[in-house]
Amino acid sequence: MSASLKSYTPLHSKASTMTKPWWWARLFGRSLLYIVLIGGAIIALLPFVWMVLEALKPNYEIYSASWLPTHFEWSNFPAALTTLPFGHFFLNSAIVTFANVIFQTSSSTIVAYGFARFQFKGRRFLFLLLVATLMIPYYVTLIPVFIEFDKLGWVNTFLPLIVPGIFGNAFYIFLMRQFFGSIPRELDEAAMVEGAGPLTILFRVLIPQSFPAMITVGIYTFLSTWNDFLNPLIYLNQMQNYTVAVGLEYFVGQYSSQWNYMMAVALLALIPCILIFFFAQRYFIQGIVVSSAEK
C-alpha cells in the first residue's frame, strides 16, 4: 500500500510538468524580444541622431563621411534663427496650429455626436458618404479649392489654413463616432430622465468620458498642421505670413544650401511635437484602442 502511494503521481501534476515551458526557452524568447525591440528603437532613432549631428556641424562638413563633427558648432542655432525672422514664423505656425486644433476637435466631436446618438432619415447614407470622401486624393481638389479661396480674397491670409477646420475632418469624425459608440446609451437615458437636453448630454455626459479620443484628435491635428508644408506654400506669398515649414525651404538654394542651419531649425521645430506626444501618449493610446475596438 505504501509502495503504491509512493509511486503514485497525480494526473494534473504530470500534465503541468509536461506543458510547463523550460526556463531556458522562456529566457531565450524574452531575450529575443528585447533584442528586436532595442534594434527597432535604434533604427527609429538613427534619423533623429543624424539630424542632431548635422545641426552641430560646420556647413563644409555636411557631406563628410564621418557622422561626428570635428567640433560642435553650437552657434548654428542662433545663426539659423536670425538668418530669417523665424521667431515670427514660429508664431504664425502656432496661431494656425492651435486654431485648427480647437476648431477641428470641437466640430468633429459635435458632428460625430449627431451620427452616433441621433436617428434620422439618411443617417447611414450620409455617414458612408462622409467616409467615402477619405478616398478622394487631396491633389484632385487642390486647384478648384485654390480658385475658390482666391475669388474670396483669402489668398495670402491664414483663412484658407484655418476655416476648413471649422467644418471638421472626415477621419476625426469617424474616430469620435466610434468612441461615442463605446459609451452606453443608458447614461444618455438617465440624463434625459433628469431633464437634460441633447447639448447637456453632450457636454456633461459624453465629452468628459471622451477625453482620450479628443486628445487623440488634437494630437493628430497638431502634428498634421504644424508640419504642413504644401498648404502654406500655396496660400501664403509674403514672408511675414510664412510658417516654419515654409521658412525652412529658404535654406535650400540653387547653387548652395545651408543644411546645418536647416537641421538646427528643424530640430527646434520638432521639440513641440515630441513634448506633446510625450505628455499625452497615455490618452492617445487609450483613444486609439477604444475607438478601434468598437465595431
Protein backbone atom coordinates (compact mmCIF):
# COMPACT_ATOMS: atom_id res chain seq x y z
CA MET A 1 0.00 0.00 0.00
CA SER A 2 2.74 2.45 0.95
CA ALA A 3 4.79 1.49 -2.09
CA SER A 4 1.83 2.16 -4.37
CA LEU A 5 1.28 5.54 -2.74
CA LYS A 6 4.93 6.47 -3.20
CA SER A 7 4.82 5.58 -6.88
CA TYR A 8 1.53 7.41 -7.46
CA THR A 9 1.72 10.76 -9.23
CA PRO A 10 -1.43 12.85 -9.76
CA LEU A 11 -2.51 13.35 -13.38
CA HIS A 12 -2.65 17.13 -13.05
CA SER A 13 0.97 17.16 -11.82
CA LYS A 14 2.09 15.19 -14.88
CA ALA A 15 0.15 17.49 -17.18
CA SER A 16 1.58 20.63 -15.59
CA THR A 17 5.09 19.16 -15.82
CA MET A 18 4.61 18.29 -19.49
CA THR A 19 3.10 21.63 -20.52
CA LYS A 20 5.26 23.91 -18.40
CA PRO A 21 7.90 25.59 -20.63
CA TRP A 22 11.53 25.18 -19.75
CA TRP A 23 13.16 28.18 -18.11
CA TRP A 24 15.76 28.46 -20.85
CA ALA A 25 13.08 28.61 -23.55
CA ARG A 26 11.33 31.42 -21.71
CA LEU A 27 14.64 33.25 -21.22
CA PHE A 28 15.51 32.83 -24.91
CA GLY A 29 12.13 34.13 -26.04
CA ARG A 30 12.27 37.16 -23.77
CA SER A 31 15.87 37.92 -24.78
CA LEU A 32 14.94 37.67 -28.46
CA LEU A 33 12.01 40.05 -27.88
CA TYR A 34 14.25 42.60 -26.17
CA ILE A 35 16.83 42.35 -28.95
CA VAL A 36 14.19 43.01 -31.61
CA LEU A 37 12.71 45.95 -29.66
CA ILE A 38 16.10 47.52 -28.99
CA GLY A 39 17.11 47.07 -32.62
CA GLY A 40 13.88 48.67 -33.83
CA ALA A 41 14.33 51.58 -31.42
CA ILE A 42 17.88 52.16 -32.67
CA ILE A 43 16.75 52.12 -36.30
CA ALA A 44 13.92 54.56 -35.49
CA LEU A 45 16.28 56.92 -33.62
CA LEU A 46 19.02 56.99 -36.28
CA PRO A 47 17.42 59.80 -38.37
CA PHE A 48 16.96 61.92 -35.23
CA VAL A 49 20.59 61.35 -34.16
CA TRP A 50 21.75 62.21 -37.67
CA MET A 51 19.69 65.43 -37.58
CA VAL A 52 21.26 66.48 -34.27
CA LEU A 53 24.80 65.80 -35.50
CA GLU A 54 24.22 67.62 -38.80
CA ALA A 55 22.87 70.63 -36.91
CA LEU A 56 26.14 70.81 -34.94
CA LYS A 57 28.46 70.56 -37.96
CA PRO A 58 30.06 73.38 -39.93
CA ASN A 59 28.48 73.59 -43.36
CA TYR A 60 31.63 72.37 -45.13
CA GLU A 61 31.48 69.09 -43.19
CA ILE A 62 27.91 68.23 -44.16
CA TYR A 63 28.99 65.88 -46.93
CA SER A 64 31.84 64.28 -45.00
CA ALA A 65 31.82 60.53 -44.49
CA SER A 66 32.05 60.88 -40.72
CA TRP A 67 28.88 61.26 -38.71
CA LEU A 68 30.65 63.10 -35.89
CA PRO A 69 31.71 66.71 -36.46
CA THR A 70 35.31 67.73 -35.83
CA HIS A 71 34.00 70.34 -33.42
CA PHE A 72 30.48 71.17 -32.30
CA GLU A 73 29.11 74.40 -33.80
CA TRP A 74 26.56 75.43 -31.17
CA SER A 75 26.42 78.83 -32.85
CA ASN A 76 24.41 77.26 -35.70
CA PHE A 77 21.22 77.59 -33.68
CA PRO A 78 21.27 81.37 -33.03
CA ALA A 79 22.71 81.99 -36.51
CA ALA A 80 19.95 80.00 -38.18
CA LEU A 81 17.21 81.70 -36.17
CA THR A 82 18.48 85.17 -37.08
CA THR A 83 19.05 84.47 -40.78
CA LEU A 84 15.30 84.80 -41.30
CA PRO A 85 12.61 86.02 -38.85
CA PHE A 86 11.97 82.52 -37.53
CA GLY A 87 10.55 83.87 -34.30
CA HIS A 88 7.70 85.32 -36.36
CA PHE A 89 7.44 82.09 -38.35
CA PHE A 90 7.03 80.08 -35.15
CA LEU A 91 4.31 82.46 -34.02
CA ASN A 92 2.45 82.06 -37.33
CA SER A 93 2.69 78.28 -37.08
CA ALA A 94 1.38 78.39 -33.51
CA ILE A 95 -1.61 80.56 -34.50
CA VAL A 96 -2.62 78.31 -37.39
CA THR A 97 -2.00 75.10 -35.45
CA PHE A 98 -3.89 75.97 -32.28
CA ALA A 99 -6.81 77.39 -34.25
CA ASN A 100 -7.07 74.12 -36.17
CA VAL A 101 -6.79 72.05 -33.01
CA ILE A 102 -9.68 73.94 -31.38
CA PHE A 103 -11.93 74.07 -34.44
CA GLN A 104 -11.37 70.55 -35.75
CA THR A 105 -11.66 68.90 -32.34
CA SER A 106 -14.87 70.71 -31.41
CA SER A 107 -16.59 70.44 -34.80
CA SER A 108 -15.63 66.79 -35.29
CA THR A 109 -16.96 65.99 -31.82
CA ILE A 110 -20.33 67.68 -32.47
CA VAL A 111 -20.82 66.04 -35.88
CA ALA A 112 -19.79 62.63 -34.52
CA TYR A 113 -22.29 63.06 -31.68
CA GLY A 114 -25.07 63.56 -34.23
CA PHE A 115 -24.14 60.43 -36.16
CA ALA A 116 -23.69 58.32 -33.02
CA ARG A 117 -26.74 59.29 -30.97
CA PHE A 118 -29.46 60.65 -33.28
CA GLN A 119 -31.72 58.63 -35.57
CA PHE A 120 -32.72 60.50 -38.72
CA LYS A 121 -33.52 59.64 -42.30
CA GLY A 122 -30.44 59.05 -44.43
CA ARG A 123 -28.09 58.88 -41.45
CA ARG A 124 -26.31 55.76 -42.66
CA PHE A 125 -26.02 57.05 -46.23
CA LEU A 126 -24.62 60.40 -45.10
CA PHE A 127 -22.07 58.71 -42.86
CA LEU A 128 -20.94 56.41 -45.67
CA LEU A 129 -20.71 59.44 -47.95
CA LEU A 130 -18.59 61.21 -45.34
CA VAL A 131 -16.23 58.25 -45.01
CA ALA A 132 -16.05 57.93 -48.81
CA THR A 133 -14.52 61.40 -49.02
CA LEU A 134 -11.40 59.91 -47.43
CA MET A 135 -10.75 58.08 -50.71
CA ILE A 136 -10.59 61.31 -52.74
CA PRO A 137 -6.93 62.35 -53.20
CA TYR A 138 -6.15 65.78 -51.84
CA TYR A 139 -4.47 66.86 -55.07
CA VAL A 140 -7.67 66.32 -57.07
CA THR A 141 -9.42 69.17 -55.25
CA LEU A 142 -6.35 71.37 -54.84
CA ILE A 143 -6.87 73.62 -57.89
CA PRO A 144 -10.65 74.22 -57.56
CA VAL A 145 -10.27 74.92 -53.83
CA PHE A 146 -7.48 77.40 -54.55
CA ILE A 147 -9.62 79.17 -57.18
CA GLU A 148 -12.47 79.39 -54.67
CA PHE A 149 -10.28 80.92 -51.96
CA ASP A 150 -8.74 83.29 -54.50
CA LYS A 151 -12.16 84.59 -55.54
CA LEU A 152 -13.00 85.11 -51.87
CA GLY A 153 -9.82 87.17 -51.47
CA TRP A 154 -8.39 84.85 -48.84
CA VAL A 155 -5.07 84.10 -50.53
CA ASN A 156 -2.07 85.34 -48.52
CA THR A 157 -4.07 85.16 -45.31
CA PHE A 158 -4.43 82.47 -42.65
CA LEU A 159 -8.11 81.91 -43.55
CA PRO A 160 -7.54 79.09 -46.11
CA LEU A 161 -5.48 77.29 -43.46
CA ILE A 162 -8.00 77.74 -40.62
CA VAL A 163 -11.55 77.99 -42.00
CA PRO A 164 -11.72 74.41 -43.44
CA GLY A 165 -11.06 73.12 -39.92
CA ILE A 166 -14.32 74.69 -38.71
CA PHE A 167 -16.23 72.08 -40.73
CA GLY A 168 -14.41 69.12 -39.21
CA ASN A 169 -12.43 66.28 -40.71
CA ALA A 170 -13.89 63.03 -42.04
CA PHE A 171 -11.34 60.81 -40.32
CA TYR A 172 -11.68 62.60 -36.98
CA ILE A 173 -15.49 62.41 -37.18
CA PHE A 174 -15.24 58.69 -37.83
CA LEU A 175 -12.84 58.27 -34.90
CA MET A 176 -15.07 60.20 -32.49
CA ARG A 177 -18.21 58.40 -33.66
CA GLN A 178 -16.56 55.05 -32.95
CA PHE A 179 -15.64 56.24 -29.47
CA PHE A 180 -19.15 57.51 -28.74
CA GLY A 181 -20.43 54.08 -29.76
CA SER A 182 -18.46 52.54 -26.89
CA ILE A 183 -20.29 54.68 -24.30
CA PRO A 184 -23.51 53.02 -23.03
CA ARG A 185 -26.72 54.71 -24.07
CA GLU A 186 -28.09 54.12 -20.57
CA LEU A 187 -26.11 57.17 -19.47
CA ASP A 188 -27.97 59.31 -22.01
CA GLU A 189 -31.31 57.90 -20.88
CA ALA A 190 -30.51 58.56 -17.23
CA ALA A 191 -29.61 62.17 -18.07
CA MET A 192 -32.84 62.56 -20.08
CA VAL A 193 -34.84 61.37 -17.08
CA GLU A 194 -33.25 64.17 -15.08
CA GLY A 195 -34.38 66.65 -17.74
CA ALA A 196 -31.12 67.03 -19.69
CA GLY A 197 -31.29 68.07 -23.34
CA PRO A 198 -29.05 66.95 -26.23
CA LEU A 199 -26.40 69.62 -25.63
CA THR A 200 -26.37 68.96 -21.90
CA ILE A 201 -25.87 65.25 -22.54
CA LEU A 202 -23.02 66.03 -24.90
CA PHE A 203 -21.16 68.45 -22.64
CA ARG A 204 -22.00 66.93 -19.25
CA VAL A 205 -22.06 63.19 -20.02
CA LEU A 206 -20.22 62.25 -23.24
CA ILE A 207 -17.38 64.75 -23.51
CA PRO A 208 -15.98 64.06 -20.00
CA GLN A 209 -15.76 60.38 -20.94
CA SER A 210 -14.40 61.10 -24.44
CA PHE A 211 -11.30 62.93 -23.26
CA PRO A 212 -8.86 60.26 -24.62
CA ALA A 213 -10.44 60.36 -28.08
CA MET A 214 -10.45 64.16 -28.14
CA ILE A 215 -6.78 64.18 -27.11
CA THR A 216 -6.10 61.78 -29.99
CA VAL A 217 -7.84 64.08 -32.45
CA GLY A 218 -5.96 67.07 -31.03
CA ILE A 219 -2.59 65.33 -31.41
CA TYR A 220 -3.32 64.28 -34.98
CA THR A 221 -4.44 67.80 -35.84
CA PHE A 222 -1.44 69.40 -34.18
CA LEU A 223 1.08 67.19 -35.95
CA SER A 224 -0.52 67.49 -39.39
CA THR A 225 -0.93 71.28 -39.16
CA TRP A 226 2.41 72.09 -37.52
CA ASN A 227 4.32 70.04 -40.11
CA ASP A 228 2.19 71.10 -43.08
CA PHE A 229 4.28 72.50 -45.91
CA LEU A 230 2.10 72.33 -49.02
CA ASN A 231 -0.88 74.45 -47.92
CA PRO A 232 1.16 77.37 -46.50
CA LEU A 233 3.37 77.26 -49.60
CA ILE A 234 0.32 77.58 -51.88
CA TYR A 235 -1.72 80.17 -49.99
CA LEU A 236 0.97 82.36 -48.39
CA ASN A 237 3.19 84.50 -50.63
CA GLN A 238 4.53 87.13 -48.23
CA MET A 239 7.32 86.40 -45.80
CA GLN A 240 5.51 88.00 -42.87
CA ASN A 241 2.86 85.25 -43.10
CA TYR A 242 5.19 82.27 -43.56
CA THR A 243 5.14 79.31 -41.23
CA VAL A 244 8.21 77.41 -40.04
CA ALA A 245 7.86 74.69 -42.66
CA VAL A 246 7.91 77.25 -45.49
CA GLY A 247 10.77 79.21 -43.89
CA LEU A 248 12.96 76.09 -43.83
CA GLU A 249 12.78 75.91 -47.60
CA TYR A 250 14.81 79.13 -47.86
CA PHE A 251 17.93 77.34 -46.67
CA VAL A 252 17.98 75.32 -49.90
CA GLY A 253 19.32 77.42 -52.77
CA GLN A 254 20.07 76.81 -56.43
CA TYR A 255 23.84 76.95 -56.03
CA SER A 256 24.39 76.36 -52.31
CA SER A 257 22.43 75.11 -49.33
CA GLN A 258 22.83 75.65 -45.62
CA TRP A 259 21.91 72.19 -44.45
CA ASN A 260 23.30 72.71 -40.96
CA TYR A 261 21.04 75.73 -40.43
CA MET A 262 18.06 73.80 -41.78
CA MET A 263 18.73 70.89 -39.43
CA ALA A 264 19.10 73.29 -36.49
CA VAL A 265 15.74 74.98 -37.07
CA ALA A 266 14.06 71.66 -37.93
CA LEU A 267 15.31 70.27 -34.63
CA LEU A 268 13.77 73.20 -32.75
CA ALA A 269 10.52 72.78 -34.69
CA LEU A 270 10.45 69.12 -33.70
CA ILE A 271 10.52 69.84 -29.96
CA PRO A 272 6.80 70.80 -29.58
CA CYS A 273 5.72 67.61 -31.37
CA ILE A 274 7.88 65.46 -29.09
CA LEU A 275 6.69 67.19 -25.92
CA ILE A 276 3.01 66.98 -26.81
CA PHE A 277 3.17 63.31 -27.70
CA PHE A 278 5.29 62.52 -24.63
CA PHE A 279 2.85 64.11 -22.17
CA ALA A 280 -0.32 62.92 -23.94
CA GLN A 281 0.72 59.45 -25.09
CA ARG A 282 -1.37 57.68 -22.44
CA TYR A 283 -4.58 59.33 -23.63
CA PHE A 284 -3.51 58.94 -27.26
CA ILE A 285 -3.04 55.17 -27.00
CA GLN A 286 -6.24 54.75 -24.96
CA GLY A 287 -8.27 56.69 -27.52
CA ILE A 288 -6.93 54.64 -30.43
CA VAL A 289 -7.52 51.31 -28.68
CA VAL A 290 -11.09 52.07 -27.57
CA SER A 291 -12.08 53.59 -30.92
CA SER A 292 -10.67 50.68 -32.93
CA ALA A 293 -12.25 48.11 -30.62
CA GLU A 294 -15.77 49.44 -31.17
CA LYS A 295 -17.42 47.69 -34.04
